[in-house]
Structures are given as C-alpha cells and as structure tokens.
Amino acid sequence: MFGNSGAGKSTLAKRLKETESLAHLDLDSIAWLPTSPPQRSAEADAQKSIQTFVDENENWVIEGCYGDLLQFASQFSSELVFLDLSVEDCTENARNRPWEKHKYESKEAQDANFEMLVNWIGQYDQRADCFSQSAHTKLYESYKGKKSRLRTRKEINELK
C-alpha cells in the first residue's frame, strides 16, 4: 500500500491489520536511522528487514511512500493498493492526523513539522524522487498482479 504523505496509508493499514488479522509493517520504521537530523538507512538493510518481515508473517500489509522499498516488497505481494488522493485531501488528512508517537517525541514536535509536511505533500506531482507521484505511478503500472488505484476517501473507506 502506497501513496503521498497524508493519503491515509497508515490508517487503512491499521484497519486491515485489525479486520483481516494482518501483520503490519510501516516502512517509516525501517527507512530511517535514529539520528538527528534523520538519515535514510541503507537500502540493503531496509530490504533485509522487509525480507525478514515477509518470511515471518504469512498474511501482511506493508505501507509507505518509499518507491524503492515498495518495488522490492512488491515481489512478495499478492495485491498492490495505490492511494492516489488529491493534494488537498492529503493535506486535510495530515491536518487531522493524531500524534504519531513512533515518529515524534511529542504532539508539539509533530505540529512544529506541519508546514514542512504540507510543503512536501504539495510537491508530490512535481518531485522526481522515489517518493513522487511519477515513481508511484510507474510502480503501479509495472505491477502485474491484482491492484487497485483509489482516488477518493470513499473508495478507501470501502476497501475490504
């Protein structure tokens, strides 16, 4: 499961974890080293973590915005879900996001990062990196298995 920041990946993955009894891997948890400022972990190390996760879990959901890691994970998947919401919807979701304890030491620290996040979300269709809409579209189009491209909150809420 992938898409822009604020698309609802974590919320949907948590819902599927509960309703479908899936193991859940948030790629944020393996993509970054615990440094200040944050630095990306080596791609080989992150891939090893993904491999371990899929080896240890029969039924799972992996979610994130990291096209490079998602490309690796897709070889193990039975289905791909692209949450391709508008920038406006992603920004609104980010505005209403609860405190992400696994990412920020406090709600205040998360809120202090909000303007940067809104700028990041707004650049989704302009970037050329592995986090971009173009990278996500390429991943989606190249995937040969079952896949869904959800463009509205209603479609996401109806996913089972």
C-alpha atoms as a PDB file:
ATOM      1  CA  MET A   1       0.000   0.000   0.000  1.00  0.00           C
ATOM      2  CA  PHE A   2       1.479   3.336  -1.014  1.00  0.00           C
ATOM      3  CA  GLY A   3       0.787   6.957  -1.843  1.00  0.00           C
ATOM      4  CA  ASN A   4       1.570  10.531  -0.884  1.00  0.00           C
ATOM      5  CA  SER A   5       2.089  11.592   2.712  1.00  0.00           C
ATOM      6  CA  GLY A   6      -1.315  12.094   4.262  1.00  0.00           C
ATOM      7  CA  ALA A   7      -3.098   9.751   1.834  1.00  0.00           C
ATOM      8  CA  GLY A   8      -4.288   7.517   4.672  1.00  0.00           C
ATOM      9  CA  LYS A   9      -1.883   4.605   4.284  1.00  0.00           C
ATOM     10  CA  SER A  10      -1.263   4.074   7.999  1.00  0.00           C
ATOM     11  CA  THR A  11      -4.936   4.456   8.899  1.00  0.00           C
ATOM     12  CA  LEU A  12      -6.022   1.940   6.264  1.00  0.00           C
ATOM     13  CA  ALA A  13      -3.203  -0.483   7.108  1.00  0.00           C
ATOM     14  CA  LYS A  14      -4.148  -0.394  10.801  1.00  0.00           C
ATOM     15  CA  ARG A  15      -7.786  -1.039   9.901  1.00  0.00           C
ATOM     16  CA  LEU A  16      -6.805  -4.015   7.723  1.00  0.00           C
ATOM     17  CA  LYS A  17      -4.499  -5.283  10.448  1.00  0.00           C
ATOM     18  CA  GLU A  18      -7.473  -5.437  12.798  1.00  0.00           C
ATOM     19  CA  THR A  19     -10.228  -6.587  10.431  1.00  0.00           C
ATOM     20  CA  GLU A  20      -8.161  -9.054   8.391  1.00  0.00           C
ATOM     21  CA  SER A  21      -5.667 -10.142  11.114  1.00  0.00           C
ATOM     22  CA  LEU A  22      -2.691  -8.956   9.070  1.00  0.00           C
ATOM     23  CA  ALA A  23       0.806  -8.254  10.301  1.00  0.00           C
ATOM     24  CA  HIS A  24       1.650  -4.591   9.605  1.00  0.00           C
ATOM     25  CA  LEU A  25       4.943  -3.023   8.564  1.00  0.00           C
ATOM     26  CA  ASP A  26       5.144   0.768   8.365  1.00  0.00           C
ATOM     27  CA  LEU A  27       8.164   1.448   6.145  1.00  0.00           C
ATOM     28  CA  ASP A  28       8.911   4.574   8.188  1.00  0.00           C
ATOM     29  CA  SER A  29      10.039   2.211  10.958  1.00  0.00           C
ATOM     30  CA  ILE A  30      12.857   0.747   8.834  1.00  0.00           C
ATOM     31  CA  ALA A  31      13.639   3.511   6.338  1.00  0.00           C
ATOM     32  CA  TRP A  32      15.304   5.894   8.794  1.00  0.00           C
ATOM     33  CA  LEU A  33      18.247   5.691  11.144  1.00  0.00           C
ATOM     34  CA  PRO A  34      17.681   7.003  14.685  1.00  0.00           C
ATOM     35  CA  THR A  35      19.845  10.086  14.105  1.00  0.00           C
ATOM     36  CA  SER A  36      19.313  13.815  14.334  1.00  0.00           C
ATOM     37  CA  PRO A  37      18.838  15.043  11.729  1.00  0.00           C
ATOM     38  CA  PRO A  38      17.226  11.893  10.341  1.00  0.00           C
ATOM     39  CA  GLN A  39      19.118   9.945   7.682  1.00  0.00           C
ATOM     40  CA  ARG A  40      17.852   7.172   5.438  1.00  0.00           C
ATOM     41  CA  SER A  41      19.047   3.716   6.340  1.00  0.00           C
ATOM     42  CA  ALA A  42      20.977   1.785   3.708  1.00  0.00           C
ATOM     43  CA  GLU A  43      18.583   0.338   1.150  1.00  0.00           C
ATOM     44  CA  ALA A  44      20.138  -3.137   1.596  1.00  0.00           C
ATOM     45  CA  ASP A  45      19.438  -3.007   5.342  1.00  0.00           C
ATOM     46  CA  ALA A  46      15.834  -1.940   4.768  1.00  0.00           C
ATOM     47  CA  GLN A  47      15.375  -4.702   2.186  1.00  0.00           C
ATOM     48  CA  LYS A  48      16.718  -7.224   4.694  1.00  0.00           C
ATOM     49  CA  SER A  49      14.123  -6.010   7.213  1.00  0.00           C
ATOM     50  CA  ILE A  50      11.365  -6.384   4.614  1.00  0.00           C
ATOM     51  CA  GLN A  51      12.572  -9.889   3.741  1.00  0.00           C
ATOM     52  CA  THR A  52      12.569 -10.879   7.418  1.00  0.00           C
ATOM     53  CA  PHE A  53       9.087  -9.444   7.880  1.00  0.00           C
ATOM     54  CA  VAL A  54       7.551 -11.336   4.936  1.00  0.00           C
ATOM     55  CA  ASP A  55       9.394 -14.536   5.903  1.00  0.00           C
ATOM     56  CA  GLU A  56       7.986 -14.342   9.439  1.00  0.00           C
ATOM     57  CA  ASN A  57       4.404 -13.389   8.500  1.00  0.00           C
ATOM     58  CA  GLU A  58       2.098 -15.281   6.187  1.00  0.00           C
ATOM     59  CA  ASN A  59      -0.535 -12.541   5.880  1.00  0.00           C
ATOM     60  CA  TRP A  60       0.612  -8.953   5.972  1.00  0.00           C
ATOM     61  CA  VAL A  61       0.314  -5.356   4.825  1.00  0.00           C
ATOM     62  CA  ILE A  62       3.307  -3.140   4.125  1.00  0.00           C
ATOM     63  CA  GLU A  63       2.717   0.584   3.726  1.00  0.00           C
ATOM     64  CA  GLY A  64       4.761   3.661   2.954  1.00  0.00           C
ATOM     65  CA  CYS A  65       5.758   6.189   0.354  1.00  0.00           C
ATOM     66  CA  TYR A  66       9.229   4.765  -0.430  1.00  0.00           C
ATOM     67  CA  GLY A  67       9.087   3.697  -4.067  1.00  0.00           C
ATOM     68  CA  ASP A  68      12.468   1.973  -3.847  1.00  0.00           C
ATOM     69  CA  LEU A  69      11.450  -0.184  -0.872  1.00  0.00           C
ATOM     70  CA  LEU A  70       7.966  -0.776  -2.250  1.00  0.00           C
ATOM     71  CA  GLN A  71       9.445  -2.041  -5.503  1.00  0.00           C
ATOM     72  CA  PHE A  72      11.406  -4.616  -3.505  1.00  0.00           C
ATOM     73  CA  ALA A  73       8.399  -5.565  -1.350  1.00  0.00           C
ATOM     74  CA  SER A  74       6.096  -5.893  -4.361  1.00  0.00           C
ATOM     75  CA  GLN A  75       7.781  -9.122  -5.449  1.00  0.00           C
ATOM     76  CA  PHE A  76       6.305 -10.801  -2.342  1.00  0.00           C
ATOM     77  CA  SER A  77       2.848  -9.251  -2.577  1.00  0.00           C
ATOM     78  CA  SER A  78      -0.432 -10.676  -3.773  1.00  0.00           C
ATOM     79  CA  GLU A  79      -2.031  -7.255  -4.200  1.00  0.00           C
ATOM     80  CA  LEU A  80      -0.962  -3.626  -4.644  1.00  0.00           C
ATOM     81  CA  VAL A  81      -3.027  -0.653  -3.441  1.00  0.00           C
ATOM     82  CA  PHE A  82      -2.174   2.882  -4.602  1.00  0.00           C
ATOM     83  CA  LEU A  83      -3.838   5.604  -2.531  1.00  0.00           C
ATOM     84  CA  ASP A  84      -3.765   8.379  -5.112  1.00  0.00           C
ATOM     85  CA  LEU A  85      -5.710  11.142  -3.373  1.00  0.00           C
ATOM     86  CA  SER A  86      -5.587  14.808  -4.285  1.00  0.00           C
ATOM     87  CA  VAL A  87      -3.044  17.068  -2.613  1.00  0.00           C
ATOM     88  CA  GLU A  88      -5.968  18.812  -0.897  1.00  0.00           C
ATOM     89  CA  ASP A  89      -7.264  15.568   0.631  1.00  0.00           C
ATOM     90  CA  CYS A  90      -3.760  14.559   1.733  1.00  0.00           C
ATOM     91  CA  THR A  91      -3.210  17.963   3.341  1.00  0.00           C
ATOM     92  CA  GLU A  92      -6.537  17.730   5.168  1.00  0.00           C
ATOM     93  CA  ASN A  93      -5.686  14.225   6.401  1.00  0.00           C
ATOM     94  CA  ALA A  94      -2.312  15.475   7.638  1.00  0.00           C
ATOM     95  CA  ARG A  95      -4.008  18.366   9.434  1.00  0.00           C
ATOM     96  CA  ASN A  96      -6.259  15.894  11.290  1.00  0.00           C
ATOM     97  CA  ARG A  97      -3.516  13.346  11.980  1.00  0.00           C
ATOM     98  CA  PRO A  98      -3.262  12.182  15.592  1.00  0.00           C
ATOM     99  CA  TRP A  99       0.086  12.248  17.368  1.00  0.00           C
ATOM    100  CA  GLU A 100       2.387   9.679  15.762  1.00  0.00           C
ATOM    101  CA  LYS A 101       4.319   8.528  18.823  1.00  0.00           C
ATOM    102  CA  HIS A 102       6.603   6.311  16.779  1.00  0.00           C
ATOM    103  CA  LYS A 103       7.790   9.341  14.751  1.00  0.00           C
ATOM    104  CA  TYR A 104       7.700  12.307  17.144  1.00  0.00           C
ATOM    105  CA  GLU A 105       8.659  12.737  20.792  1.00  0.00           C
ATOM    106  CA  SER A 106       5.586  14.907  21.398  1.00  0.00           C
ATOM    107  CA  LYS A 107       2.462  16.253  19.692  1.00  0.00           C
ATOM    108  CA  GLU A 108       4.128  19.682  19.802  1.00  0.00           C
ATOM    109  CA  ALA A 109       7.157  18.341  17.886  1.00  0.00           C
ATOM    110  CA  GLN A 110       4.823  16.846  15.291  1.00  0.00           C
ATOM    111  CA  ASP A 111       2.899  20.115  14.974  1.00  0.00           C
ATOM    112  CA  ALA A 112       6.167  22.051  14.578  1.00  0.00           C
ATOM    113  CA  ASN A 113       6.872  19.933  11.499  1.00  0.00           C
ATOM    114  CA  PHE A 114       3.436  20.546   9.940  1.00  0.00           C
ATOM    115  CA  GLU A 115       4.375  23.331   7.492  1.00  0.00           C
ATOM    116  CA  MET A 116       7.277  21.268   6.152  1.00  0.00           C
ATOM    117  CA  LEU A 117       4.906  18.321   5.728  1.00  0.00           C
ATOM    118  CA  VAL A 118       2.327  20.439   3.877  1.00  0.00           C
ATOM    119  CA  ASN A 119       5.044  21.665   1.502  1.00  0.00           C
ATOM    120  CA  TRP A 120       6.215  18.080   0.983  1.00  0.00           C
ATOM    121  CA  ILE A 121       2.682  16.900   0.240  1.00  0.00           C
ATOM    122  CA  GLY A 122       2.173  19.756  -2.223  1.00  0.00           C
ATOM    123  CA  GLN A 123       5.281  18.815  -4.225  1.00  0.00           C
ATOM    124  CA  TYR A 124       4.129  15.225  -4.828  1.00  0.00           C
ATOM    125  CA  ASP A 125       3.388  15.642  -8.538  1.00  0.00           C
ATOM    126  CA  GLN A 126       6.499  17.776  -9.148  1.00  0.00           C
ATOM    127  CA  ARG A 127       9.193  15.670  -7.496  1.00  0.00           C
ATOM    128  CA  ALA A 128      11.281  13.143  -9.397  1.00  0.00           C
ATOM    129  CA  ASP A 129      12.401  11.045  -6.419  1.00  0.00           C
ATOM    130  CA  CYS A 130      11.243   7.650  -5.130  1.00  0.00           C
ATOM    131  CA  PHE A 131       8.531   9.401  -3.056  1.00  0.00           C
ATOM    132  CA  SER A 132       6.909  11.087  -6.079  1.00  0.00           C
ATOM    133  CA  GLN A 133       3.634  10.519  -7.865  1.00  0.00           C
ATOM    134  CA  SER A 134       5.587   9.598 -11.003  1.00  0.00           C
ATOM    135  CA  ALA A 135       7.541   6.898  -9.124  1.00  0.00           C
ATOM    136  CA  HIS A 136       4.349   5.563  -7.556  1.00  0.00           C
ATOM    137  CA  THR A 137       2.551   5.562 -10.910  1.00  0.00           C
ATOM    138  CA  LYS A 138       5.437   3.670 -12.518  1.00  0.00           C
ATOM    139  CA  LEU A 139       5.354   1.079  -9.728  1.00  0.00           C
ATOM    140  CA  TYR A 140       1.589   0.707 -10.089  1.00  0.00           C
ATOM    141  CA  GLU A 141       1.670   0.399 -13.874  1.00  0.00           C
ATOM    142  CA  SER A 142       4.513  -2.144 -13.864  1.00  0.00           C
ATOM    143  CA  TYR A 143       2.869  -4.419 -11.292  1.00  0.00           C
ATOM    144  CA  LYS A 144       1.368  -7.476 -12.993  1.00  0.00           C
ATOM    145  CA  GLY A 145      -0.805  -8.817 -10.167  1.00  0.00           C
ATOM    146  CA  LYS A 146      -4.059  -7.683  -8.578  1.00  0.00           C
ATOM    147  CA  LYS A 147      -4.036  -3.947  -7.997  1.00  0.00           C
ATOM    148  CA  SER A 148      -6.268  -1.027  -7.092  1.00  0.00           C
ATOM    149  CA  ARG A 149      -5.819   2.718  -7.544  1.00  0.00           C
ATOM    150  CA  LEU A 150      -8.038   4.541  -5.072  1.00  0.00           C
ATOM    151  CA  ARG A 151      -8.585   8.248  -5.700  1.00  0.00           C
ATOM    152  CA  THR A 152     -11.176   9.231  -3.081  1.00  0.00           C
ATOM    153  CA  ARG A 153     -11.708   8.781   0.657  1.00  0.00           C
ATOM    154  CA  LYS A 154     -14.955   6.968  -0.166  1.00  0.00           C
ATOM    155  CA  GLU A 155     -13.078   4.362  -2.241  1.00  0.00           C
ATOM    156  CA  ILE A 156     -10.540   3.921   0.553  1.00  0.00           C
ATOM    157  CA  ASN A 157     -13.258   3.525   3.192  1.00  0.00           C
ATOM    158  CA  GLU A 158     -14.976   0.884   1.047  1.00  0.00           C
ATOM    159  CA  LEU A 159     -11.820  -1.214   0.591  1.00  0.00           C
ATOM    160  CA  LYS A 160     -12.075  -4.601   2.224  1.00  0.00           C
END
